């Protein structure tokens, strides 16, 4: 999935009041949509990265 599609999905989820959480080993590593606290990624939209190291490990696969 491209970054553009991911951001579009996150914005649509937020508009509809939904959220998706990606959980790995019992810990949330990524949150999209409602309630996401983007921090440094605020310009991208409702995307919250809680564990960048783990998220990047999936990209390397």
PDB file of N, CA and C in Angstrom:
ATOM      1  N   UNK A   1       0.857  -1.172   0.000  1.00  0.00           N
ATOM      2  CA  UNK A   1       0.000   0.000   0.000  1.00  0.00           C
ATOM      3  C   UNK A   1       0.902   1.235   0.000  1.00  0.00           C
ATOM      4  N   UNK A   2       0.574   2.177  -0.885  1.00  0.00           N
ATOM      5  CA  UNK A   2       1.382   3.393  -0.972  1.00  0.00           C
ATOM      6  C   UNK A   2       1.084   4.318   0.203  1.00  0.00           C
ATOM      7  N   UNK A   3       2.002   5.229   0.459  1.00  0.00           N
ATOM      8  CA  UNK A   3       1.839   6.195   1.547  1.00  0.00           C
ATOM      9  C   UNK A   3       0.606   7.065   1.294  1.00  0.00           C
ATOM     10  N   UNK A   4       0.356   7.425   0.043  1.00  0.00           N
ATOM     11  CA  UNK A   4      -0.808   8.248  -0.292  1.00  0.00           C
ATOM     12  C   UNK A   4      -2.115   7.539   0.073  1.00  0.00           C
ATOM     13  N   UNK A   5      -2.178   6.262  -0.229  1.00  0.00           N
ATOM     14  CA  UNK A   5      -3.398   5.492   0.091  1.00  0.00           C
ATOM     15  C   UNK A   5      -3.550   5.332   1.595  1.00  0.00           C
ATOM     16  N   UNK A   6      -2.441   5.145   2.283  1.00  0.00           N
ATOM     17  CA  UNK A   6      -2.477   5.007   3.740  1.00  0.00           C
ATOM     18  C   UNK A   6      -2.995   6.287   4.392  1.00  0.00           C
ATOM     19  N   UNK A   7      -2.510   7.429   3.931  1.00  0.00           N
ATOM     20  CA  UNK A   7      -2.955   8.706   4.477  1.00  0.00           C
ATOM     21  C   UNK A   7      -4.418   8.976   4.147  1.00  0.00           C
ATOM     22  N   UNK A   8      -4.824   8.620   2.946  1.00  0.00           N
ATOM     23  CA  UNK A   8      -6.227   8.778   2.551  1.00  0.00           C
ATOM     24  C   UNK A   8      -7.127   7.926   3.437  1.00  0.00           C
ATOM     25  N   UNK A   9      -6.714   6.695   3.688  1.00  0.00           N
ATOM     26  CA  UNK A   9      -7.468   5.806   4.567  1.00  0.00           C
ATOM     27  C   UNK A   9      -7.570   6.388   5.970  1.00  0.00           C
ATOM     28  N   UNK A  10      -6.454   6.899   6.483  1.00  0.00           N
ATOM     29  CA  UNK A  10      -6.444   7.475   7.832  1.00  0.00           C
ATOM     30  C   UNK A  10      -7.410   8.653   7.932  1.00  0.00           C
ATOM     31  N   UNK A  11      -7.431   9.501   6.924  1.00  0.00           N
ATOM     32  CA  UNK A  11      -8.328  10.663   6.927  1.00  0.00           C
ATOM     33  C   UNK A  11      -9.790  10.247   6.852  1.00  0.00           C
ATOM     34  N   UNK A  12     -10.089   9.249   6.027  1.00  0.00           N
ATOM     35  CA  UNK A  12     -11.468   8.755   5.920  1.00  0.00           C
ATOM     36  C   UNK A  12     -11.920   8.124   7.227  1.00  0.00           C
ATOM     37  N   UNK A  13     -11.037   7.368   7.862  1.00  0.00           N
ATOM     38  CA  UNK A  13     -11.368   6.763   9.153  1.00  0.00           C
ATOM     39  C   UNK A  13     -11.681   7.837  10.182  1.00  0.00           C
ATOM     40  N   UNK A  14     -10.875   8.884  10.217  1.00  0.00           N
ATOM     41  CA  UNK A  14     -11.079   9.967  11.175  1.00  0.00           C
ATOM     42  C   UNK A  14     -12.415  10.666  10.923  1.00  0.00           C
ATOM     43  N   UNK A  15     -12.729  10.925   9.654  1.00  0.00           N
ATOM     44  CA  UNK A  15     -13.992  11.581   9.302  1.00  0.00           C
ATOM     45  C   UNK A  15     -15.198  10.768   9.766  1.00  0.00           C
ATOM     46  N   UNK A  16     -15.093   9.443   9.681  1.00  0.00           N
ATOM     47  CA  UNK A  16     -16.205   8.573  10.054  1.00  0.00           C
ATOM     48  C   UNK A  16     -16.187   8.180  11.528  1.00  0.00           C
ATOM     49  N   UNK A  17     -15.145   8.589  12.246  1.00  0.00           N
ATOM     50  CA  UNK A  17     -15.064   8.303  13.673  1.00  0.00           C
ATOM     51  C   UNK A  17     -14.502   6.942  14.017  1.00  0.00           C
ATOM     52  N   UNK A  18     -13.735   6.354  13.094  1.00  0.00           N
ATOM     53  CA  UNK A  18     -13.143   5.034  13.318  1.00  0.00           C
ATOM     54  C   UNK A  18     -11.628   5.134  13.432  1.00  0.00           C
ATOM     55  N   UNK A  19     -11.042   4.074  13.959  1.00  0.00           N
ATOM     56  CA  UNK A  19      -9.589   3.987  14.050  1.00  0.00           C
ATOM     57  C   UNK A  19      -9.152   2.545  13.810  1.00  0.00           C
ATOM     58  N   UNK A  20      -7.958   2.409  13.304  1.00  0.00           N
ATOM     59  CA  UNK A  20      -7.324   1.097  13.149  1.00  0.00           C
ATOM     60  C   UNK A  20      -6.033   1.133  13.948  1.00  0.00           C
ATOM     61  N   UNK A  21      -5.825   0.113  14.762  1.00  0.00           N
ATOM     62  CA  UNK A  21      -4.578  -0.014  15.510  1.00  0.00           C
ATOM     63  C   UNK A  21      -3.849  -1.265  15.034  1.00  0.00           C
ATOM     64  N   UNK A  22      -2.588  -1.107  14.739  1.00  0.00           N
ATOM     65  CA  UNK A  22      -1.744  -2.240  14.359  1.00  0.00           C
ATOM     66  C   UNK A  22      -0.997  -2.664  15.618  1.00  0.00           C
ATOM     67  N   UNK A  23      -1.220  -3.924  16.024  1.00  0.00           N
ATOM     68  CA  UNK A  23      -0.653  -4.440  17.272  1.00  0.00           C
ATOM     69  C   UNK A  23       0.347  -5.547  16.945  1.00  0.00           C
ATOM     70  N   UNK A  24       1.493  -5.485  17.601  1.00  0.00           N
ATOM     71  CA  UNK A  24       2.521  -6.514  17.465  1.00  0.00           C
ATOM     72  C   UNK A  24       2.990  -6.898  18.862  1.00  0.00           C
ATOM     73  N   UNK A  25       2.909  -8.176  19.158  1.00  0.00           N
ATOM     74  CA  UNK A  25       3.304  -8.711  20.469  1.00  0.00           C
ATOM     75  C   UNK A  25       2.638  -7.949  21.612  1.00  0.00           C
ATOM     76  N   UNK A  26       1.352  -7.660  21.441  1.00  0.00           N
ATOM     77  CA  UNK A  26       0.560  -7.033  22.504  1.00  0.00           C
ATOM     78  C   UNK A  26       0.736  -5.531  22.644  1.00  0.00           C
ATOM     79  N   UNK A  27       1.519  -4.912  21.766  1.00  0.00           N
ATOM     80  CA  UNK A  27       1.759  -3.463  21.838  1.00  0.00           C
ATOM     81  C   UNK A  27       1.291  -2.792  20.552  1.00  0.00           C
ATOM     82  N   UNK A  28       0.619  -1.664  20.693  1.00  0.00           N
ATOM     83  CA  UNK A  28       0.193  -0.892  19.532  1.00  0.00           C
ATOM     84  C   UNK A  28       1.430  -0.218  18.944  1.00  0.00           C
ATOM     85  N   UNK A  29       1.675  -0.449  17.648  1.00  0.00           N
ATOM     86  CA  UNK A  29       2.828   0.178  17.009  1.00  0.00           C
ATOM     87  C   UNK A  29       2.410   1.277  16.036  1.00  0.00           C
ATOM     88  N   UNK A  30       1.136   1.257  15.594  1.00  0.00           N
ATOM     89  CA  UNK A  30       0.650   2.241  14.636  1.00  0.00           C
ATOM     90  C   UNK A  30      -0.843   2.434  14.832  1.00  0.00           C
ATOM     91  N   UNK A  31      -1.291   3.672  14.778  1.00  0.00           N
ATOM     92  CA  UNK A  31      -2.716   3.970  14.891  1.00  0.00           C
ATOM     93  C   UNK A  31      -3.095   4.926  13.778  1.00  0.00           C
ATOM     94  N   UNK A  32      -4.193   4.615  13.092  1.00  0.00           N
ATOM     95  CA  UNK A  32      -4.707   5.439  12.009  1.00  0.00           C
ATOM     96  C   UNK A  32      -6.121   5.878  12.333  1.00  0.00           C
ATOM     97  N   UNK A  33      -6.454   7.134  12.036  1.00  0.00           N
ATOM     98  CA  UNK A  33      -7.822   7.596  12.186  1.00  0.00           C
ATOM     99  C   UNK A  33      -8.094   8.301  13.498  1.00  0.00           C
ATOM    100  N   UNK A  34      -9.309   8.120  13.982  1.00  0.00           N
ATOM    101  CA  UNK A  34      -9.782   8.831  15.173  1.00  0.00           C
ATOM    102  C   UNK A  34      -8.900   8.543  16.394  1.00  0.00           C
ATOM    103  N   UNK A  35      -8.543   9.596  17.081  1.00  0.00           N
ATOM    104  CA  UNK A  35      -7.767   9.452  18.306  1.00  0.00           C
ATOM    105  C   UNK A  35      -6.269   9.345  18.098  1.00  0.00           C
ATOM    106  N   UNK A  36      -5.828   9.292  16.838  1.00  0.00           N
ATOM    107  CA  UNK A  36      -4.388   9.231  16.576  1.00  0.00           C
ATOM    108  C   UNK A  36      -3.751  10.564  16.955  1.00  0.00           C
ATOM    109  N   UNK A  37      -2.617  10.491  17.622  1.00  0.00           N
ATOM    110  CA  UNK A  37      -1.877  11.691  18.023  1.00  0.00           C
ATOM    111  C   UNK A  37      -0.611  11.739  17.177  1.00  0.00           C
ATOM    112  N   UNK A  38      -0.650  12.461  16.058  1.00  0.00           N
ATOM    113  CA  UNK A  38       0.434  12.394  15.086  1.00  0.00           C
ATOM    114  C   UNK A  38       1.791  12.921  15.528  1.00  0.00           C
ATOM    115  N   UNK A  39       1.855  13.804  16.487  1.00  0.00           N
ATOM    116  CA  UNK A  39       3.155  14.321  16.912  1.00  0.00           C
ATOM    117  C   UNK A  39       3.882  14.994  15.760  1.00  0.00           C
ATOM    118  N   UNK A  40       5.077  14.527  15.441  1.00  0.00           N
ATOM    119  CA  UNK A  40       5.870  15.117  14.367  1.00  0.00           C
ATOM    120  C   UNK A  40       5.257  14.903  12.995  1.00  0.00           C
ATOM    121  N   UNK A  41       4.361  13.939  12.868  1.00  0.00           N
ATOM    122  CA  UNK A  41       3.734  13.637  11.581  1.00  0.00           C
ATOM    123  C   UNK A  41       2.422  14.392  11.380  1.00  0.00           C
ATOM    124  N   UNK A  42       2.168  15.417  12.160  1.00  0.00           N
ATOM    125  CA  UNK A  42       0.907  16.152  12.114  1.00  0.00           C
ATOM    126  C   UNK A  42       0.545  16.593  10.697  1.00  0.00           C
ATOM    127  N   UNK A  43       1.514  16.997   9.912  1.00  0.00           N
ATOM    128  CA  UNK A  43       1.236  17.462   8.552  1.00  0.00           C
ATOM    129  C   UNK A  43       0.682  16.346   7.663  1.00  0.00           C
ATOM    130  N   UNK A  44       0.963  15.105   8.013  1.00  0.00           N
ATOM    131  CA  UNK A  44       0.490  13.975   7.209  1.00  0.00           C
ATOM    132  C   UNK A  44      -0.961  13.623   7.480  1.00  0.00           C
ATOM    133  N   UNK A  45      -1.451  13.926   8.658  1.00  0.00           N
ATOM    134  CA  UNK A  45      -2.820  13.580   9.003  1.00  0.00           C
ATOM    135  C   UNK A  45      -2.882  12.706  10.237  1.00  0.00           C
ATOM    136  N   UNK A  46      -4.015  12.036  10.407  1.00  0.00           N
ATOM    137  CA  UNK A  46      -4.240  11.244  11.621  1.00  0.00           C
ATOM    138  C   UNK A  46      -3.503   9.903  11.627  1.00  0.00           C
ATOM    139  N   UNK A  47      -2.181   9.985  11.699  1.00  0.00           N
ATOM    140  CA  UNK A  47      -1.339   8.790  11.727  1.00  0.00           C
ATOM    141  C   UNK A  47      -0.410   8.910  12.932  1.00  0.00           C
ATOM    142  N   UNK A  48      -0.494   7.934  13.832  1.00  0.00           N
ATOM    143  CA  UNK A  48       0.349   7.941  15.027  1.00  0.00           C
ATOM    144  C   UNK A  48       1.276   6.731  14.991  1.00  0.00           C
ATOM    145  N   UNK A  49       2.566   6.991  14.982  1.00  0.00           N
ATOM    146  CA  UNK A  49       3.565   5.916  15.026  1.00  0.00           C
ATOM    147  C   UNK A  49       4.050   5.834  16.464  1.00  0.00           C
ATOM    148  N   UNK A  50       3.775   4.699  17.125  1.00  0.00           N
ATOM    149  CA  UNK A  50       4.174   4.532  18.522  1.00  0.00           C
ATOM    150  C   UNK A  50       5.486   3.788  18.681  1.00  0.00           C
ATOM    151  N   UNK A  51       5.827   2.954  17.710  1.00  0.00           N
ATOM    152  CA  UNK A  51       7.074   2.187  17.793  1.00  0.00           C
ATOM    153  C   UNK A  51       7.699   2.121  16.407  1.00  0.00           C
ATOM    154  N   UNK A  52       8.469   3.147  16.088  1.00  0.00           N
ATOM    155  CA  UNK A  52       9.052   3.262  14.757  1.00  0.00           C
ATOM    156  C   UNK A  52      10.004   2.112  14.453  1.00  0.00           C
ATOM    157  N   UNK A  53      10.783   1.697  15.407  1.00  0.00           N
ATOM    158  CA  UNK A  53      11.751   0.616  15.178  1.00  0.00           C
ATOM    159  C   UNK A  53      11.048  -0.668  14.731  1.00  0.00           C
ATOM    160  N   UNK A  54       9.977  -1.046  15.422  1.00  0.00           N
ATOM    161  CA  UNK A  54       9.251  -2.263  15.055  1.00  0.00           C
ATOM    162  C   UNK A  54       8.575  -2.096  13.705  1.00  0.00           C
ATOM    163  N   UNK A  55       7.995  -0.932  13.467  1.00  0.00           N
ATOM    164  CA  UNK A  55       7.343  -0.664  12.195  1.00  0.00           C
ATOM    165  C   UNK A  55       8.340  -0.782  11.047  1.00  0.00           C
ATOM    166  N   UNK A  56       9.525  -0.221  11.211  1.00  0.00           N
ATOM    167  CA  UNK A  56      10.557  -0.322  10.176  1.00  0.00           C
ATOM    168  C   UNK A  56      11.030  -1.754   9.971  1.00  0.00           C
ATOM    169  N   UNK A  57      10.991  -2.560  11.004  1.00  0.00           N
ATOM    170  CA  UNK A  57      11.410  -3.963  10.847  1.00  0.00           C
ATOM    171  C   UNK A  57      10.474  -4.717   9.912  1.00  0.00           C
ATOM    172  N   UNK A  58       9.207  -4.328   9.861  1.00  0.00           N
ATOM    173  CA  UNK A  58       8.259  -4.953   8.923  1.00  0.00           C
ATOM    174  C   UNK A  58       8.555  -4.532   7.494  1.00  0.00           C
ATOM    175  N   UNK A  59       8.991  -3.310   7.312  1.00  0.00           N
ATOM    176  CA  UNK A  59       9.301  -2.819   5.977  1.00  0.00           C
ATOM    177  C   UNK A  59      10.508  -3.549   5.408  1.00  0.00           C
ATOM    178  N   UNK A  60      11.450  -3.910   6.254  1.00  0.00           N
ATOM    179  CA  UNK A  60      12.650  -4.626   5.813  1.00  0.00           C
ATOM    180  C   UNK A  60      12.338  -6.039   5.364  1.00  0.00           C
ATOM    181  N   UNK A  61      11.225  -6.611   5.817  1.00  0.00           N
ATOM    182  CA  UNK A  61      10.879  -7.970   5.430  1.00  0.00           C
ATOM    183  C   UNK A  61      10.607  -8.031   3.990  1.00  0.00           C
TER     184      UNK A  61
END
